[in-house]
Amino acid sequence: MIYLDNNATTRTAPLAVTAMLPFFTTHYGNPSSAHGVGSEAAAALRQARRSVQALVGAAQDHEIVFTSGGTEANATAIRSALAVQPGRTEVVVSTVEHPSVLSMCDALERFEGIKVHRIAVDGEGRLDLDAYRAALSERVALVSLMWANNETGTVFPVDGLAELAHGVGALFHSDAVQAAGKLPLRVSETSVDLLSLSAHKFHGPKGVGALYVRKGTPFRSLLRGGKQERGRRAGTENLPGIVGAGVAADLALAALAQTPRIAALRDRLETGVLARIGGVTRLGDLGDRLPNTSALAFDLVQGEAIQARLNALGIAVSTGSACSSGAVEPSHVVRAMKIHFTVAHGVVRFSLSAETTEAEIARVIEVLPGILADLRGPAPVAAPAREAAHAG
């Protein structure tokens, strides 16, 4: 299997798995218990917290709150910001946020009367800054904008966006699930108040995430009960998973040195495909995107068909589509970018990792032309390769 779907999930690092196993059987204590077994567990919890702190560049380890994943971290950030600022009843997001943010905002708007400003993006997935500035006011409790997009890899200028939010007294949250482990993060040097991440995106186990809460940020917990996580997230910690997340964070921090190699492999993939196949569009902000992500749109063919053919050859990728009411339609990200309809249905995402090899990329370049020629038929009508295919 050639696995090029690392933005969906990553293989759990063997070292992380090895570190986790004793905490199921030998070091199984509750970190909140006062006896020796509990103290041993608490020490492991502290070490994992320091590792995640280092990965995101937080100033203090207690700014890290462990959660069940990115979805819970995002929900906690949004709910908390509204709860601690009862006079503010508006939220600002982009149209390309992860569904865990957009669905939460849809529910808040529908059932709780919260006004949601959804800021559009352009054909490269870049935020409309004028619309963003216009949406900011003293009624806004929270701005929630992702650090990097999961489909296109486009990176938002979060520090500047956070400073603008602070200008009207709003809190700023960033969903950094796709950025952690792929970009060097120094959140302590930014104006970001809250930041979400998920361990399984950087070779940690599933079911573990974290929310960074800058010291001094007003906060209201989502889950009530015990006093775990300094009273910010009730429930006995998933210690084996957290230990695995800590080891994965250490490995991810060290692996940032491989970023140039990964970016070079992505560029080689794109260059090879564009040279051999007509009617291909690269999506996203080519000047500022994740080093591992390539979203390619193929004219006049369905992305699902390409995915199926690649899968039959042992190559795993994803598409820019979503199933809605029984029909396969372009994803909300592709729609938000206003990609032309002949291209929008043919989006395929290739997402690499530090485990991706040159031979794997060469294999994809080798097989894709034949797949496209077969799917398009003997006399395909294909437009020249271009860098922009959004509707004018």
Protein backbone atom coordinates (compact mmCIF):
# COMPACT_ATOMS: atom_id res chain seq x y z
CA MET A 1 0.00 0.00 0.00
CA ILE A 2 1.19 3.47 -0.94
CA TYR A 3 -0.51 5.66 1.63
CA LEU A 4 -1.05 9.26 0.54
CA ASP A 5 -4.00 10.18 2.76
CA ASN A 6 -2.13 11.46 5.79
CA ASN A 7 -4.37 14.51 6.24
CA ALA A 8 -7.17 12.05 7.06
CA THR A 9 -5.09 10.08 9.55
CA THR A 10 -1.56 8.80 9.99
CA ARG A 11 -0.03 5.47 10.94
CA THR A 12 0.55 5.43 14.69
CA ALA A 13 4.30 5.52 15.23
CA PRO A 14 5.61 2.17 16.53
CA LEU A 15 7.51 3.98 19.31
CA ALA A 16 4.24 5.59 20.42
CA VAL A 17 2.49 2.20 20.49
CA THR A 18 5.34 0.68 22.49
CA ALA A 19 5.20 3.51 25.00
CA MET A 20 1.43 3.14 25.39
CA LEU A 21 1.27 -0.60 26.13
CA PRO A 22 2.55 -0.60 29.76
CA PHE A 23 -0.12 1.94 30.69
CA PHE A 24 -2.81 -0.61 29.92
CA THR A 25 -1.33 -3.35 32.10
CA THR A 26 1.51 -2.32 34.41
CA HIS A 27 1.31 1.44 34.97
CA TYR A 28 -2.49 1.51 34.98
CA GLY A 29 -3.01 3.93 37.85
CA ASN A 30 -5.38 6.88 37.85
CA PRO A 31 -3.34 10.10 37.66
CA SER A 32 -5.64 11.65 40.28
CA SER A 33 -4.91 8.95 42.88
CA ALA A 34 -2.56 9.81 45.75
CA HIS A 35 -0.83 6.42 46.05
CA GLY A 36 2.34 5.31 44.28
CA VAL A 37 0.65 3.79 41.25
CA GLY A 38 -1.32 7.01 40.75
CA SER A 39 1.78 9.15 41.18
CA GLU A 40 3.53 7.13 38.52
CA ALA A 41 0.62 7.76 36.16
CA ALA A 42 0.60 11.47 37.02
CA ALA A 43 4.30 11.73 36.16
CA ALA A 44 3.66 10.19 32.73
CA LEU A 45 0.79 12.63 32.20
CA ARG A 46 3.06 15.57 33.03
CA GLN A 47 5.72 14.36 30.60
CA ALA A 48 3.21 14.01 27.77
CA ARG A 49 1.89 17.50 28.50
CA ARG A 50 5.40 18.92 28.21
CA SER A 51 5.88 17.14 24.88
CA VAL A 52 2.71 18.65 23.41
CA GLN A 53 3.69 22.02 24.86
CA ALA A 54 6.96 21.81 22.94
CA LEU A 55 5.24 20.80 19.68
CA VAL A 56 2.97 23.84 19.64
CA GLY A 57 5.46 26.21 21.25
CA ALA A 58 3.37 27.05 24.32
CA ALA A 59 4.99 29.02 27.13
CA GLN A 60 3.82 26.74 29.96
CA ASP A 61 2.80 23.10 30.11
CA HIS A 62 -0.40 23.79 32.05
CA GLU A 63 -1.70 25.72 29.04
CA ILE A 64 -2.30 22.28 27.43
CA VAL A 65 -5.67 20.65 28.14
CA PHE A 66 -6.05 17.08 26.89
CA THR A 67 -9.29 16.20 25.08
CA SER A 68 -10.73 13.30 23.10
CA GLY A 69 -9.64 14.89 19.82
CA GLY A 70 -9.84 17.94 17.62
CA THR A 71 -13.63 17.99 17.48
CA GLU A 72 -13.97 18.26 21.26
CA ALA A 73 -11.20 20.86 21.42
CA ASN A 74 -12.95 22.99 18.79
CA ALA A 75 -16.33 22.68 20.49
CA THR A 76 -14.81 23.57 23.86
CA ALA A 77 -13.13 26.68 22.47
CA ILE A 78 -16.31 27.96 20.82
CA ARG A 79 -18.61 27.20 23.76
CA SER A 80 -16.18 28.61 26.29
CA ALA A 81 -15.69 31.91 24.47
CA LEU A 82 -19.42 32.50 24.32
CA ALA A 83 -19.98 31.47 27.95
CA VAL A 84 -17.36 33.80 29.41
CA GLN A 85 -18.59 36.80 27.38
CA PRO A 86 -22.39 36.81 27.80
CA GLY A 87 -22.72 40.27 26.26
CA ARG A 88 -21.15 39.12 23.01
CA THR A 89 -23.35 37.00 20.78
CA GLU A 90 -21.48 36.76 17.48
CA VAL A 91 -18.86 34.39 16.08
CA VAL A 92 -16.65 34.76 13.02
CA VAL A 93 -15.50 31.75 10.97
CA SER A 94 -14.48 31.08 7.38
CA THR A 95 -16.47 29.13 4.82
CA VAL A 96 -13.72 26.49 4.62
CA GLU A 97 -13.45 25.53 8.30
CA HIS A 98 -13.60 21.90 9.36
CA PRO A 99 -17.16 20.53 9.76
CA SER A 100 -16.61 20.30 13.54
CA VAL A 101 -16.50 24.10 13.60
CA LEU A 102 -19.11 24.81 10.94
CA SER A 103 -21.65 22.33 12.30
CA MET A 104 -21.27 23.73 15.81
CA CYS A 105 -21.81 27.26 14.49
CA ASP A 106 -24.84 26.15 12.46
CA ALA A 107 -26.40 24.72 15.63
CA LEU A 108 -25.60 27.82 17.68
CA GLU A 109 -27.21 30.02 15.05
CA ARG A 110 -30.29 27.85 14.63
CA PHE A 111 -31.04 26.96 18.24
CA GLU A 112 -29.36 29.60 20.41
CA GLY A 113 -29.64 32.81 18.43
CA ILE A 114 -25.91 33.31 17.91
CA LYS A 115 -25.04 35.33 14.83
CA VAL A 116 -22.36 33.68 12.71
CA HIS A 117 -20.27 35.59 10.17
CA ARG A 118 -18.96 33.19 7.51
CA ILE A 119 -16.07 34.83 5.68
CA ALA A 120 -15.57 33.80 2.06
CA VAL A 121 -12.32 32.75 0.42
CA ASP A 122 -11.00 33.34 -3.08
CA GLY A 123 -10.16 30.76 -5.75
CA GLU A 124 -6.89 29.91 -3.98
CA GLY A 125 -8.58 29.44 -0.62
CA ARG A 126 -7.31 32.72 0.84
CA LEU A 127 -9.48 34.62 3.29
CA ASP A 128 -11.31 37.77 2.16
CA LEU A 129 -9.57 40.16 4.52
CA ASP A 130 -11.85 43.10 3.79
CA ALA A 131 -14.92 41.00 4.65
CA TYR A 132 -13.15 39.77 7.78
CA ARG A 133 -12.42 43.29 9.00
CA ALA A 134 -16.00 44.33 8.28
CA ALA A 135 -17.38 41.45 10.38
CA LEU A 136 -15.39 42.40 13.48
CA SER A 137 -17.17 44.40 16.16
CA GLU A 138 -17.56 44.55 19.92
CA ARG A 139 -20.42 42.04 19.55
CA VAL A 140 -18.02 39.28 18.47
CA ALA A 141 -17.09 36.83 21.21
CA LEU A 142 -14.79 34.60 19.17
CA VAL A 143 -13.02 34.38 15.86
CA SER A 144 -12.29 30.76 14.90
CA LEU A 145 -10.06 30.39 11.84
CA MET A 146 -8.03 27.34 10.92
CA TRP A 147 -4.26 27.49 10.73
CA ALA A 148 -4.17 25.36 7.56
CA ASN A 149 -6.88 23.84 5.39
CA ASN A 150 -7.19 20.07 5.36
CA GLU A 151 -8.17 19.83 1.67
CA THR A 152 -5.99 22.40 -0.09
CA GLY A 153 -3.24 22.98 2.46
CA THR A 154 -3.74 26.76 2.26
CA VAL A 155 -2.29 28.47 5.34
CA PHE A 156 -4.07 31.43 6.93
CA PRO A 157 -2.04 34.32 8.45
CA VAL A 158 -3.38 33.54 11.91
CA ASP A 159 -1.22 35.88 13.93
CA GLY A 160 -2.32 38.97 12.04
CA LEU A 161 -5.91 37.76 12.06
CA ALA A 162 -5.72 37.27 15.83
CA GLU A 163 -4.40 40.79 16.35
CA LEU A 164 -7.35 42.20 14.40
CA ALA A 165 -9.75 40.17 16.58
CA HIS A 166 -8.12 41.50 19.73
CA GLY A 167 -8.63 44.99 18.39
CA VAL A 168 -12.37 44.63 19.07
CA GLY A 169 -11.87 42.64 22.29
CA ALA A 170 -12.73 39.23 20.79
CA LEU A 171 -10.96 35.99 21.63
CA PHE A 172 -9.17 34.14 18.82
CA HIS A 173 -9.16 30.38 18.29
CA SER A 174 -7.32 28.44 15.62
CA ASP A 175 -7.99 24.87 14.54
CA ALA A 176 -4.38 23.77 14.04
CA VAL A 177 -5.18 20.08 13.61
CA GLN A 178 -3.58 20.03 10.15
CA ALA A 179 -0.69 22.34 11.03
CA ALA A 180 0.70 20.59 14.11
CA GLY A 181 3.61 18.38 13.12
CA LYS A 182 3.74 19.85 9.58
CA LEU A 183 4.67 23.45 10.32
CA PRO A 184 6.86 24.86 13.11
CA LEU A 185 4.45 26.35 15.64
CA ARG A 186 5.33 28.95 18.27
CA VAL A 187 1.91 29.81 19.60
CA SER A 188 3.39 31.71 22.55
CA GLU A 189 4.82 34.22 20.05
CA THR A 190 1.44 34.84 18.43
CA SER A 191 -1.77 36.50 19.61
CA VAL A 192 -3.73 33.21 19.48
CA ASP A 193 -5.75 32.56 22.65
CA LEU A 194 -6.98 29.02 21.95
CA LEU A 195 -5.63 26.35 19.63
CA SER A 196 -6.80 22.80 18.81
CA LEU A 197 -4.84 19.75 17.72
CA SER A 198 -5.39 16.01 17.26
CA ALA A 199 -2.77 13.33 17.88
CA HIS A 200 -3.72 10.99 15.04
CA LYS A 201 -2.76 13.66 12.51
CA PHE A 202 0.91 13.48 13.57
CA HIS A 203 1.37 9.72 14.05
CA GLY A 204 -0.24 9.53 17.48
CA PRO A 205 -3.24 7.39 18.49
CA LYS A 206 -6.82 8.23 17.65
CA GLY A 207 -9.11 9.49 20.40
CA VAL A 208 -6.63 11.99 21.87
CA GLY A 209 -6.36 15.71 21.23
CA ALA A 210 -5.52 18.89 23.06
CA LEU A 211 -6.67 22.45 23.46
CA TYR A 212 -4.10 25.13 24.13
CA VAL A 213 -5.50 27.79 26.46
CA ARG A 214 -3.20 30.78 26.84
CA LYS A 215 -2.56 31.69 30.46
CA GLY A 216 -5.01 34.37 31.55
CA THR A 217 -7.63 33.54 28.90
CA PRO A 218 -11.10 33.37 30.49
CA PHE A 219 -12.36 29.81 30.20
CA ARG A 220 -15.45 27.72 30.89
CA SER A 221 -15.19 23.94 30.74
CA LEU A 222 -17.39 21.96 28.37
CA LEU A 223 -17.42 18.75 30.43
CA ARG A 224 -18.25 19.12 34.13
CA GLY A 225 -17.57 16.64 36.90
CA GLY A 226 -14.16 15.92 38.38
CA LYS A 227 -11.22 18.28 38.73
CA GLN A 228 -9.04 16.72 36.05
CA GLU A 229 -6.98 19.00 33.78
CA ARG A 230 -7.04 21.75 36.42
CA GLY A 231 -10.82 21.70 36.35
CA ARG A 232 -10.97 22.46 32.63
CA ARG A 233 -11.96 19.01 31.31
CA ALA A 234 -13.69 16.54 33.62
CA GLY A 235 -13.22 12.81 33.25
CA THR A 236 -10.39 10.39 33.98
CA GLU A 237 -7.65 11.03 31.46
CA ASN A 238 -7.05 8.55 28.65
CA LEU A 239 -3.54 7.96 29.94
CA PRO A 240 -2.36 5.33 27.41
CA GLY A 241 -3.52 7.53 24.55
CA ILE A 242 -2.02 10.66 26.09
CA VAL A 243 1.33 8.91 26.57
CA GLY A 244 1.22 7.88 22.92
CA ALA A 245 0.36 11.45 21.91
CA GLY A 246 3.33 12.73 23.89
CA VAL A 247 5.77 10.39 22.19
CA ALA A 248 4.26 11.22 18.80
CA ALA A 249 4.66 14.93 19.59
CA ASP A 250 8.35 14.40 20.33
CA LEU A 251 8.79 12.51 17.06
CA ALA A 252 6.81 15.10 15.10
CA LEU A 253 8.91 17.95 16.46
CA ALA A 254 12.10 16.14 15.43
CA ALA A 255 10.62 15.26 12.02
CA LEU A 256 10.09 18.94 11.14
CA ALA A 257 13.66 18.79 9.86
CA GLN A 258 12.30 16.65 7.01
CA THR A 259 9.88 19.34 5.84
CA PRO A 260 12.02 20.39 2.85
CA ARG A 261 12.26 16.76 1.66
CA ILE A 262 8.50 16.27 1.96
CA ALA A 263 7.80 19.53 0.10
CA ALA A 264 10.22 18.44 -2.64
CA LEU A 265 8.37 15.13 -3.04
CA ARG A 266 5.05 17.00 -3.27
CA ASP A 267 6.51 19.30 -5.93
CA ARG A 268 7.90 16.32 -7.82
CA LEU A 269 4.46 14.72 -7.82
CA GLU A 270 2.81 17.85 -9.15
CA THR A 271 5.47 18.51 -11.78
CA GLY A 272 5.29 14.93 -13.01
CA VAL A 273 1.50 14.92 -13.21
CA LEU A 274 1.25 18.32 -14.91
CA ALA A 275 3.87 17.31 -17.47
CA ARG A 276 2.09 14.08 -18.41
CA ILE A 277 -1.62 14.89 -18.09
CA GLY A 278 -3.59 17.75 -19.62
CA GLY A 279 -6.45 19.53 -17.93
CA VAL A 280 -5.03 19.47 -14.40
CA THR A 281 -5.37 22.33 -11.93
CA ARG A 282 -3.42 22.76 -8.70
CA LEU A 283 -5.69 24.07 -5.94
CA GLY A 284 -4.84 26.23 -2.96
CA ASP A 285 -2.44 29.07 -2.26
CA LEU A 286 0.70 27.84 -3.99
CA GLY A 287 2.77 30.43 -2.16
CA ASP A 288 1.63 29.52 1.34
CA ARG A 289 0.41 25.97 1.90
CA LEU A 290 1.28 22.87 3.86
CA PRO A 291 4.44 21.17 2.59
CA ASN A 292 2.76 17.76 2.42
CA THR A 293 -0.51 18.60 0.66
CA SER A 294 -1.35 18.58 -3.04
CA ALA A 295 -4.94 19.03 -4.21
CA LEU A 296 -5.19 18.36 -7.94
CA ALA A 297 -8.37 18.85 -9.96
CA PHE A 298 -8.76 16.83 -13.17
CA ASP A 299 -11.08 18.24 -15.85
CA LEU A 300 -14.00 16.17 -17.12
CA VAL A 301 -13.59 13.19 -14.80
CA GLN A 302 -14.89 12.21 -11.37
CA GLY A 303 -12.42 12.26 -8.50
CA GLU A 304 -14.07 9.14 -7.06
CA ALA A 305 -13.28 7.24 -10.24
CA ILE A 306 -9.61 8.21 -10.01
CA GLN A 307 -9.57 7.26 -6.33
CA ALA A 308 -11.08 3.85 -7.08
CA ARG A 309 -8.55 3.11 -9.84
CA LEU A 310 -5.66 4.15 -7.61
CA ASN A 311 -7.03 2.08 -4.75
CA ALA A 312 -7.14 -0.98 -7.01
CA LEU A 313 -3.40 -0.46 -7.53
CA GLY A 314 -2.74 -0.14 -3.80
CA ILE A 315 -2.53 3.67 -3.67
CA ALA A 316 -4.64 5.45 -1.04
CA VAL A 317 -5.78 9.04 -1.68
CA SER A 318 -8.89 11.07 -0.92
CA THR A 319 -11.22 13.22 -3.00
CA GLY A 320 -12.64 16.72 -2.69
CA SER A 321 -16.19 15.42 -2.60
CA ALA A 322 -18.87 14.67 -0.06
CA CYS A 323 -22.00 12.55 -0.19
CA SER A 324 -25.13 14.66 0.16
CA SER A 325 -28.68 13.27 -0.18
CA GLY A 326 -27.40 10.23 -2.04
CA ALA A 327 -25.44 12.27 -4.58
CA VAL A 328 -21.71 12.93 -4.67
CA GLU A 329 -21.05 16.65 -4.76
CA PRO A 330 -17.92 18.79 -4.43
CA SER A 331 -16.96 19.40 -0.81
CA HIS A 332 -17.83 22.61 0.97
CA VAL A 333 -14.21 23.74 0.57
CA VAL A 334 -14.25 23.24 -3.19
CA ARG A 335 -17.62 24.98 -3.45
CA ALA A 336 -16.43 27.90 -1.33
CA MET A 337 -13.51 28.42 -3.71
CA LYS A 338 -15.97 28.63 -6.64
CA ILE A 339 -14.05 26.12 -8.71
CA HIS A 340 -15.51 25.64 -12.22
CA PHE A 341 -17.96 22.74 -12.32
CA THR A 342 -15.98 20.77 -14.94
CA VAL A 343 -13.05 20.74 -12.53
CA ALA A 344 -14.77 20.72 -9.13
CA HIS A 345 -15.91 17.08 -9.42
CA GLY A 346 -12.43 15.87 -10.26
CA VAL A 347 -10.51 16.91 -7.14
CA VAL A 348 -8.06 14.39 -5.68
CA ARG A 349 -5.98 15.13 -2.58
CA PHE A 350 -2.55 13.63 -2.10
CA SER A 351 -1.22 14.14 1.43
CA LEU A 352 2.29 12.93 2.22
CA SER A 353 4.16 12.23 5.45
CA ALA A 354 7.73 11.74 6.58
CA GLU A 355 7.25 8.07 5.68
CA THR A 356 6.57 8.83 2.00
CA THR A 357 9.36 7.75 -0.35
CA GLU A 358 10.60 8.82 -3.77
CA ALA A 359 9.70 5.40 -5.17
CA GLU A 360 6.11 5.83 -4.05
CA ILE A 361 5.79 9.20 -5.74
CA ALA A 362 7.38 7.80 -8.89
CA ARG A 363 4.79 5.00 -8.92
CA VAL A 364 1.90 7.47 -8.74
CA ILE A 365 3.35 9.52 -11.59
CA GLU A 366 3.75 6.31 -13.58
CA VAL A 367 0.17 5.04 -13.24
CA LEU A 368 -1.90 8.24 -13.27
CA PRO A 369 -1.62 9.06 -17.00
CA GLY A 370 -3.03 5.69 -17.97
CA ILE A 371 -5.87 6.00 -15.47
CA LEU A 372 -6.87 9.43 -16.80
CA ALA A 373 -6.61 8.35 -20.44
CA ASP A 374 -8.87 5.39 -19.74
CA LEU A 375 -11.44 7.39 -17.76
CA ARG A 376 -11.59 10.22 -20.28
CA GLY A 377 -11.93 7.87 -23.22
CA PRO A 378 -9.97 7.51 -26.46
CA ALA A 379 -10.37 11.16 -27.49
CA PRO A 380 -10.51 13.24 -24.30
CA VAL A 381 -11.37 16.88 -24.41
CA ALA A 382 -8.93 18.37 -21.92
CA ALA A 383 -8.05 21.97 -21.27
CA PRO A 384 -4.40 22.97 -20.89
CA ALA A 385 -2.94 22.77 -17.41
CA ARG A 386 -3.59 25.96 -15.51
CA GLU A 387 -3.16 27.42 -12.07
CA ALA A 388 -6.61 28.91 -11.62
CA ALA A 389 -9.98 27.42 -12.51
CA HIS A 390 -12.41 29.30 -10.31
CA ALA A 391 -15.43 30.99 -11.74
CA GLY A 392 -14.90 34.65 -12.50
